[in-house]
PDB file of all heavy atoms in Angstrom:
ATOM      1  N   ILE A   1      99.396  91.652 100.988  1.00  0.00           N
ATOM      2  CA  ILE A   1     100.128  92.845 101.520  1.00  0.00           C
ATOM      3  C   ILE A   1      99.985  94.111 100.635  1.00  0.00           C
ATOM      4  O   ILE A   1      99.909  95.175 101.139  1.00  0.00           O
ATOM      5  CB  ILE A   1     101.593  92.444 101.751  1.00  0.00           C
ATOM      6  CG1 ILE A   1     101.813  91.381 102.791  1.00  0.00           C
ATOM      7  CG2 ILE A   1     102.495  93.694 102.090  1.00  0.00           C
ATOM      8  CD1 ILE A   1     103.112  90.783 102.906  1.00  0.00           C
ATOM      9  N   GLY A   2     100.020  93.834  99.318  1.00  0.00           N
ATOM     10  CA  GLY A   2     100.034  94.982  98.355  1.00  0.00           C
ATOM     11  C   GLY A   2      98.728  95.544  97.949  1.00  0.00           C
ATOM     12  O   GLY A   2      98.638  96.749  97.556  1.00  0.00           O
ATOM     13  N   SER A   3      97.664  94.736  98.168  1.00  0.00           N
ATOM     14  CA  SER A   3      96.357  95.233  97.599  1.00  0.00           C
ATOM     15  C   SER A   3      95.805  96.541  98.238  1.00  0.00           C
ATOM     16  O   SER A   3      95.306  97.401  97.523  1.00  0.00           O
ATOM     17  CB  SER A   3      95.247  94.071  97.941  1.00  0.00           C
ATOM     18  OG  SER A   3      95.426  93.001  97.025  1.00  0.00           O
ATOM     19  N   PHE A   4      95.693  96.621  99.561  1.00  0.00           N
ATOM     20  CA  PHE A   4      95.182  97.764 100.173  1.00  0.00           C
ATOM     21  C   PHE A   4      95.940  99.126  99.808  1.00  0.00           C
ATOM     22  O   PHE A   4      95.284 100.004  99.270  1.00  0.00           O
ATOM     23  CB  PHE A   4      95.120  97.665 101.717  1.00  0.00           C
ATOM     24  CG  PHE A   4      94.343  98.679 102.369  1.00  0.00           C
ATOM     25  CD1 PHE A   4      93.059  98.478 102.761  1.00  0.00           C
ATOM     26  CD2 PHE A   4      94.865  99.914 102.657  1.00  0.00           C
ATOM     27  CE1 PHE A   4      92.257  99.444 103.404  1.00  0.00           C
ATOM     28  CE2 PHE A   4      94.088 100.982 103.287  1.00  0.00           C
ATOM     29  CZ  PHE A   4      92.874 100.685 103.630  1.00  0.00           C
ATOM     30  N   PRO A   5      97.209  99.142 100.071  1.00  0.00           N
ATOM     31  CA  PRO A   5      97.958 100.459  99.659  1.00  0.00           C
ATOM     32  C   PRO A   5      97.904 100.694  98.189  1.00  0.00           C
ATOM     33  O   PRO A   5      97.761 101.918  97.769  1.00  0.00           O
ATOM     34  CB  PRO A   5      99.389 100.201 100.140  1.00  0.00           C
ATOM     35  CG  PRO A   5      99.529  98.789 100.263  1.00  0.00           C
ATOM     36  CD  PRO A   5      98.144  98.219 100.658  1.00  0.00           C
ATOM     37  N   ASN A   6      97.943  99.764  97.370  1.00  0.00           N
ATOM     38  CA  ASN A   6      97.870  99.942  95.883  1.00  0.00           C
ATOM     39  C   ASN A   6      96.529 100.524  95.466  1.00  0.00           C
ATOM     40  O   ASN A   6      96.512 101.548  94.776  1.00  0.00           O
ATOM     41  CB  ASN A   6      98.111  98.554  95.208  1.00  0.00           C
ATOM     42  CG  ASN A   6      97.622  98.574  93.743  1.00  0.00           C
ATOM     43  OD1 ASN A   6      97.832  99.396  93.005  1.00  0.00           O
ATOM     44  ND2 ASN A   6      96.953  97.395  93.373  1.00  0.00           N
ATOM     45  N   ALA A   7      95.427  99.922  95.858  1.00  0.00           N
ATOM     46  CA  ALA A   7      94.113 100.433  95.500  1.00  0.00           C
ATOM     47  C   ALA A   7      93.832 101.798  96.186  1.00  0.00           C
ATOM     48  O   ALA A   7      93.183 102.629  95.525  1.00  0.00           O
ATOM     49  CB  ALA A   7      93.019  99.460  95.847  1.00  0.00           C
ATOM     50  N   ALA A   8      94.227 101.989  97.366  1.00  0.00           N
ATOM     51  CA  ALA A   8      94.077 103.186  98.082  1.00  0.00           C
ATOM     52  C   ALA A   8      94.811 104.353  97.423  1.00  0.00           C
ATOM     53  O   ALA A   8      94.246 105.422  97.197  1.00  0.00           O
ATOM     54  CB  ALA A   8      94.572 103.080  99.599  1.00  0.00           C
ATOM     55  N   ALA A   9      96.015 104.021  96.991  1.00  0.00           N
ATOM     56  CA  ALA A   9      96.867 105.104  96.273  1.00  0.00           C
ATOM     57  C   ALA A   9      96.196 105.495  94.918  1.00  0.00           C
ATOM     58  O   ALA A   9      96.069 106.682  94.657  1.00  0.00           O
ATOM     59  CB  ALA A   9      98.190 104.526  95.989  1.00  0.00           C
ATOM     60  N   PHE A  10      95.627 104.451  94.279  1.00  0.00           N
ATOM     61  CA  PHE A  10      94.987 104.848  92.953  1.00  0.00           C
ATOM     62  C   PHE A  10      93.736 105.688  93.184  1.00  0.00           C
ATOM     63  O   PHE A  10      93.638 106.772  92.676  1.00  0.00           O
ATOM     64  CB  PHE A  10      94.471 103.574  92.269  1.00  0.00           C
ATOM     65  CG  PHE A  10      93.580 103.842  91.059  1.00  0.00           C
ATOM     66  CD1 PHE A  10      94.250 104.195  89.866  1.00  0.00           C
ATOM     67  CD2 PHE A  10      92.247 103.885  91.218  1.00  0.00           C
ATOM     68  CE1 PHE A  10      93.396 104.569  88.738  1.00  0.00           C
ATOM     69  CE2 PHE A  10      91.381 104.287  90.087  1.00  0.00           C
ATOM     70  CZ  PHE A  10      92.029 104.595  88.875  1.00  0.00           C
ATOM     71  N   PHE A  11      92.842 105.302  94.128  1.00  0.00           N
ATOM     72  CA  PHE A  11      91.540 106.047  94.285  1.00  0.00           C
ATOM     73  C   PHE A  11      91.745 107.467  94.949  1.00  0.00           C
ATOM     74  O   PHE A  11      91.075 108.381  94.574  1.00  0.00           O
ATOM     75  CB  PHE A  11      90.563 105.241  95.037  1.00  0.00           C
ATOM     76  CG  PHE A  11      89.734 104.372  94.107  1.00  0.00           C
ATOM     77  CD1 PHE A  11      89.801 103.010  94.092  1.00  0.00           C
ATOM     78  CD2 PHE A  11      88.831 104.991  93.243  1.00  0.00           C
ATOM     79  CE1 PHE A  11      89.004 102.251  93.239  1.00  0.00           C
ATOM     80  CE2 PHE A  11      88.012 104.286  92.428  1.00  0.00           C
ATOM     81  CZ  PHE A  11      88.173 102.889  92.364  1.00  0.00           C
ATOM     82  N   ILE A  12      92.717 107.612  95.856  1.00  0.00           N
ATOM     83  CA  ILE A  12      92.921 108.896  96.421  1.00  0.00           C
ATOM     84  C   ILE A  12      93.478 109.886  95.388  1.00  0.00           C
ATOM     85  O   ILE A  12      93.150 111.080  95.328  1.00  0.00           O
ATOM     86  CB  ILE A  12      93.819 108.780  97.724  1.00  0.00           C
ATOM     87  CG1 ILE A  12      93.654 110.203  98.523  1.00  0.00           C
ATOM     88  CG2 ILE A  12      95.209 108.593  97.462  1.00  0.00           C
ATOM     89  CD1 ILE A  12      94.166 110.102  99.923  1.00  0.00           C
ATOM     90  N   THR A  13      94.323 109.353  94.505  1.00  0.00           N
ATOM     91  CA  THR A  13      94.924 110.200  93.435  1.00  0.00           C
ATOM     92  C   THR A  13      93.742 110.480  92.365  1.00  0.00           C
ATOM     93  O   THR A  13      93.613 111.644  91.975  1.00  0.00           O
ATOM     94  CB  THR A  13      96.072 109.416  92.713  1.00  0.00           C
ATOM     95  OG1 THR A  13      96.954 109.101  93.610  1.00  0.00           O
ATOM     96  CG2 THR A  13      96.645 110.357  91.581  1.00  0.00           C
ATOM     97  N   TYR A  14      92.972 109.488  92.038  1.00  0.00           N
ATOM     98  CA  TYR A  14      91.878 109.587  91.031  1.00  0.00           C
ATOM     99  C   TYR A  14      90.917 110.606  91.542  1.00  0.00           C
ATOM    100  O   TYR A  14      90.551 111.544  90.787  1.00  0.00           O
ATOM    101  CB  TYR A  14      91.233 108.187  90.910  1.00  0.00           C
ATOM    102  CG  TYR A  14      90.022 108.245  89.943  1.00  0.00           C
ATOM    103  CD1 TYR A  14      90.232 108.396  88.529  1.00  0.00           C
ATOM    104  CD2 TYR A  14      88.698 108.090  90.364  1.00  0.00           C
ATOM    105  CE1 TYR A  14      89.147 108.332  87.703  1.00  0.00           C
ATOM    106  CE2 TYR A  14      87.633 108.010  89.537  1.00  0.00           C
ATOM    107  CZ  TYR A  14      87.856 108.224  88.220  1.00  0.00           C
ATOM    108  OH  TYR A  14      86.751 108.168  87.416  1.00  0.00           O
ATOM    109  N   GLU A  15      90.418 110.473  92.732  1.00  0.00           N
ATOM    110  CA  GLU A  15      89.329 111.403  93.295  1.00  0.00           C
ATOM    111  C   GLU A  15      89.898 112.852  93.398  1.00  0.00           C
ATOM    112  O   GLU A  15      89.188 113.783  93.110  1.00  0.00           O
ATOM    113  CB  GLU A  15      88.810 110.924  94.580  1.00  0.00           C
ATOM    114  CG  GLU A  15      88.014 109.587  94.466  1.00  0.00           C
ATOM    115  CD  GLU A  15      86.740 109.698  93.755  1.00  0.00           C
ATOM    116  OE1 GLU A  15      86.335 110.841  93.374  1.00  0.00           O
ATOM    117  OE2 GLU A  15      86.145 108.660  93.480  1.00  0.00           O
ATOM    118  N   ASN A  16      91.159 112.993  93.942  1.00  0.00           N
ATOM    119  CA  ASN A  16      91.731 114.321  94.019  1.00  0.00           C
ATOM    120  C   ASN A  16      91.961 115.059  92.744  1.00  0.00           C
ATOM    121  O   ASN A  16      91.652 116.197  92.576  1.00  0.00           O
ATOM    122  CB  ASN A  16      93.051 114.210  94.861  1.00  0.00           C
ATOM    123  CG  ASN A  16      92.759 114.262  96.371  1.00  0.00           C
ATOM    124  OD1 ASN A  16      92.537 115.257  96.925  1.00  0.00           O
ATOM    125  ND2 ASN A  16      92.928 113.099  96.993  1.00  0.00           N
ATOM    126  N   VAL A  17      92.488 114.281  91.725  1.00  0.00           N
ATOM    127  CA  VAL A  17      92.698 114.896  90.409  1.00  0.00           C
ATOM    128  C   VAL A  17      91.415 115.244  89.805  1.00  0.00           C
ATOM    129  O   VAL A  17      91.280 116.312  89.241  1.00  0.00           O
ATOM    130  CB  VAL A  17      93.551 113.931  89.556  1.00  0.00           C
ATOM    131  CG1 VAL A  17      93.629 114.468  88.085  1.00  0.00           C
ATOM    132  CG2 VAL A  17      95.007 113.730  90.093  1.00  0.00           C
ATOM    133  N   LYS A  18      90.404 114.369  89.913  1.00  0.00           N
ATOM    134  CA  LYS A  18      89.116 114.612  89.329  1.00  0.00           C
ATOM    135  C   LYS A  18      88.522 115.854  89.912  1.00  0.00           C
ATOM    136  O   LYS A  18      87.770 116.644  89.223  1.00  0.00           O
ATOM    137  CB  LYS A  18      88.167 113.327  89.654  1.00  0.00           C
ATOM    138  CG  LYS A  18      87.027 113.242  88.653  1.00  0.00           C
ATOM    139  CD  LYS A  18      86.339 111.908  88.775  1.00  0.00           C
ATOM    140  CE  LYS A  18      85.651 111.719  90.026  1.00  0.00           C
ATOM    141  NZ  LYS A  18      84.717 110.526  90.024  1.00  0.00           N
ATOM    142  N   SER A  19      88.694 116.092  91.261  1.00  0.00           N
ATOM    143  CA  SER A  19      88.096 117.267  91.914  1.00  0.00           C
ATOM    144  C   SER A  19      88.763 118.561  91.450  1.00  0.00           C
ATOM    145  O   SER A  19      88.193 119.619  91.560  1.00  0.00           O
ATOM    146  CB  SER A  19      88.166 117.134  93.406  1.00  0.00           C
ATOM    147  OG  SER A  19      89.517 117.171  93.846  1.00  0.00           O
ATOM    148  N   LEU A  20      90.036 118.473  90.986  1.00  0.00           N
ATOM    149  CA  LEU A  20      90.795 119.627  90.595  1.00  0.00           C
ATOM    150  C   LEU A  20      90.519 120.032  89.089  1.00  0.00           C
ATOM    151  O   LEU A  20      90.735 121.176  88.717  1.00  0.00           O
ATOM    152  CB  LEU A  20      92.284 119.496  90.735  1.00  0.00           C
ATOM    153  CG  LEU A  20      92.735 119.247  92.213  1.00  0.00           C
ATOM    154  CD1 LEU A  20      94.237 118.868  92.192  1.00  0.00           C
ATOM    155  CD2 LEU A  20      92.577 120.541  92.964  1.00  0.00           C
ATOM    156  N   LEU A  21      90.023 119.059  88.329  1.00  0.00           N
ATOM    157  CA  LEU A  21      89.865 119.400  86.837  1.00  0.00           C
ATOM    158  C   LEU A  21      88.367 119.561  86.614  1.00  0.00           C
ATOM    159  O   LEU A  21      87.490 119.182  87.409  1.00  0.00           O
ATOM    160  CB  LEU A  21      90.286 118.094  86.129  1.00  0.00           C
ATOM    161  CG  LEU A  21      91.826 117.798  86.186  1.00  0.00           C
ATOM    162  CD1 LEU A  21      92.019 116.489  85.462  1.00  0.00           C
ATOM    163  CD2 LEU A  21      92.646 118.924  85.540  1.00  0.00           C
ATOM    164  N   PRO A  22      88.028 120.247  85.438  1.00  0.00           N
ATOM    165  CA  PRO A  22      86.647 120.456  85.062  1.00  0.00           C
ATOM    166  C   PRO A  22      85.918 119.195  84.879  1.00  0.00           C
ATOM    167  O   PRO A  22      86.437 118.234  84.323  1.00  0.00           O
ATOM    168  CB  PRO A  22      86.735 121.224  83.803  1.00  0.00           C
ATOM    169  CG  PRO A  22      88.139 121.707  83.712  1.00  0.00           C
ATOM    170  CD  PRO A  22      89.030 120.816  84.460  1.00  0.00           C
ATOM    171  N   HIS A  23      84.757 119.063  85.532  1.00  0.00           N
ATOM    172  CA  HIS A  23      83.966 117.759  85.426  1.00  0.00           C
ATOM    173  C   HIS A  23      82.536 118.043  85.564  1.00  0.00           C
ATOM    174  O   HIS A  23      82.100 119.163  85.862  1.00  0.00           O
ATOM    175  CB  HIS A  23      84.449 116.752  86.388  1.00  0.00           C
ATOM    176  CG  HIS A  23      84.163 117.083  87.814  1.00  0.00           C
ATOM    177  ND1 HIS A  23      84.924 118.062  88.523  1.00  0.00           N
ATOM    178  CD2 HIS A  23      83.254 116.667  88.725  1.00  0.00           C
ATOM    179  CE1 HIS A  23      84.515 118.247  89.689  1.00  0.00           C
ATOM    180  NE2 HIS A  23      83.489 117.366  89.881  1.00  0.00           N
ATOM    181  N   GLY A  24      81.695 117.037  85.429  1.00  0.00           N
ATOM    182  CA  GLY A  24      80.197 117.244  85.460  1.00  0.00           C
ATOM    183  C   GLY A  24      79.630 116.544  84.274  1.00  0.00           C
ATOM    184  O   GLY A  24      80.121 116.511  83.208  1.00  0.00           O
TER     185      GLY A  24
END
């Protein structure tokens, strides 16, 4: 029950924060 929302929450936060910060 917990796997999908848990992993989805992590990656959507990870990718969005990464896109807002300097990277490359």
